[in-house]
Amino acid sequence: MTEAEFQTQVIDLAHLYGWRVAHFRPAMTKSGRWVTPVSADGAGFPDLVMARRGFKIFAELKVGAKLEDEQRKWLDELGPTTDRCLVVLWRPDDWPHIEAALKHRRWGV
């Protein structure tokens, strides 16, 4: 499974359960390099931001790759998880946890 396929599955499930989802896609530069245009401290921002009825999820998605330093810094700064905000690193093996988080309004802290 690719990261794009995994991301599509997570987004589809989030929509099924009524979440609004934001994802910022990379664009190809003239030189053929893929980059996500961000400014200020945007490098490493989580892949998905989801919201439903005042609950928020910031999710970094990984398939076989390691977490980059900038990604870890964002997760650390956004955390810790509270009763209304979940900050997570999800991998395909986490699917049962992903389903539980998106299906329910609350999660354990």
Protein backbone atom coordinates (compact mmCIF):
# COMPACT_ATOMS: atom_id res chain seq x y z
CA MET A 1 0.00 0.00 0.00
CA THR A 2 1.27 3.48 -0.83
CA GLU A 3 0.93 6.47 1.47
CA ALA A 4 -1.50 8.03 -1.04
CA GLU A 5 -3.70 4.90 -0.95
CA PHE A 6 -3.61 4.85 2.84
CA GLN A 7 -4.50 8.53 2.96
CA THR A 8 -7.44 8.00 0.61
CA GLN A 9 -8.76 5.21 2.85
CA VAL A 10 -8.51 7.40 5.96
CA ILE A 11 -10.22 10.34 4.21
CA ASP A 12 -13.00 8.10 2.87
CA LEU A 13 -13.65 6.67 6.34
CA ALA A 14 -13.58 10.15 7.90
CA HIS A 15 -16.17 11.37 5.38
CA LEU A 16 -18.31 8.31 6.06
CA TYR A 17 -18.47 9.33 9.73
CA GLY A 18 -19.13 13.00 9.00
CA TRP A 19 -15.68 14.57 9.51
CA ARG A 20 -14.49 17.60 7.53
CA VAL A 21 -10.99 16.89 6.26
CA ALA A 22 -8.20 19.18 5.08
CA HIS A 23 -5.11 17.97 3.23
CA PHE A 24 -2.58 20.11 1.38
CA ARG A 25 -1.27 18.40 -1.74
CA PRO A 26 2.21 18.81 -3.15
CA ALA A 27 2.74 20.47 -6.53
CA MET A 28 5.41 19.86 -9.13
CA THR A 29 7.94 22.64 -9.69
CA LYS A 30 9.31 23.57 -13.12
CA SER A 31 12.36 21.43 -12.34
CA GLY A 32 10.14 18.37 -11.82
CA ARG A 33 10.51 18.29 -8.03
CA TRP A 34 7.42 17.70 -5.83
CA VAL A 35 6.98 20.18 -2.97
CA THR A 36 4.14 21.31 -0.75
CA PRO A 37 4.09 25.09 -0.81
CA VAL A 38 4.09 26.36 2.77
CA SER A 39 5.42 29.40 4.52
CA ALA A 40 6.54 30.31 8.02
CA ASP A 41 6.85 27.07 10.05
CA GLY A 42 4.67 24.95 7.76
CA ALA A 43 7.28 22.29 6.95
CA GLY A 44 6.26 19.00 8.53
CA PHE A 45 2.63 20.01 9.22
CA PRO A 46 0.42 16.91 9.69
CA ASP A 47 -1.05 15.25 6.59
CA LEU A 48 -4.66 15.53 7.68
CA VAL A 49 -6.63 17.93 9.85
CA MET A 50 -10.13 16.69 10.64
CA ALA A 51 -12.98 18.33 12.54
CA ARG A 52 -16.45 17.23 13.60
CA ARG A 53 -18.76 18.87 16.15
CA GLY A 54 -15.91 20.63 17.96
CA PHE A 55 -13.62 17.59 17.97
CA LYS A 56 -10.31 17.79 16.10
CA ILE A 57 -7.79 15.26 14.82
CA PHE A 58 -4.30 16.12 13.57
CA ALA A 59 -2.97 13.00 11.84
CA GLU A 60 0.42 12.29 10.33
CA LEU A 61 0.20 9.23 8.06
CA LYS A 62 3.14 6.94 7.37
CA VAL A 63 3.59 3.78 5.34
CA GLY A 64 7.00 2.31 6.06
CA ALA A 65 8.78 5.66 6.31
CA LYS A 66 10.23 7.18 9.42
CA LEU A 67 8.93 10.36 10.98
CA GLU A 68 11.00 13.39 9.97
CA ASP A 69 12.22 15.84 12.63
CA GLU A 70 9.88 18.63 11.47
CA GLN A 71 6.91 16.25 11.53
CA ARG A 72 7.76 15.14 15.09
CA LYS A 73 8.07 18.79 16.18
CA TRP A 74 4.57 19.57 14.88
CA LEU A 75 3.04 16.55 16.63
CA ASP A 76 4.83 17.49 19.85
CA GLU A 77 3.64 21.11 19.67
CA LEU A 78 0.03 20.16 18.82
CA GLY A 79 -0.15 17.56 21.56
CA PRO A 80 -0.91 16.21 23.98
CA THR A 81 -4.19 14.54 23.11
CA THR A 82 -7.13 15.86 25.11
CA ASP A 83 -10.79 14.87 25.35
CA ARG A 84 -11.55 17.04 22.25
CA CYS A 85 -8.29 16.97 20.26
CA LEU A 86 -6.42 13.89 19.06
CA VAL A 87 -2.82 14.23 17.82
CA VAL A 88 -1.61 11.01 16.20
CA LEU A 89 0.84 9.22 13.97
CA TRP A 90 -1.12 6.56 12.09
CA ARG A 91 0.22 3.63 10.07
CA PRO A 92 -1.85 1.02 8.18
CA ASP A 93 -1.45 -1.41 11.12
CA ASP A 94 -3.30 1.13 13.27
CA TRP A 95 -6.54 0.64 11.30
CA PRO A 96 -8.60 -0.57 14.30
CA HIS A 97 -7.55 2.58 16.22
CA ILE A 98 -8.30 4.76 13.20
CA GLU A 99 -11.79 3.29 12.90
CA ALA A 100 -12.42 3.74 16.62
CA ALA A 101 -11.23 7.37 16.60
CA LEU A 102 -13.32 8.33 13.58
CA LYS A 103 -16.40 6.41 14.68
CA HIS A 104 -16.62 7.84 18.19
CA ARG A 105 -16.85 11.37 19.45
CA ARG A 106 -14.51 10.82 22.36
CA TRP A 107 -11.32 8.90 22.93
CA GLY A 108 -9.21 8.10 25.94
CA VAL A 109 -6.38 10.38 26.96
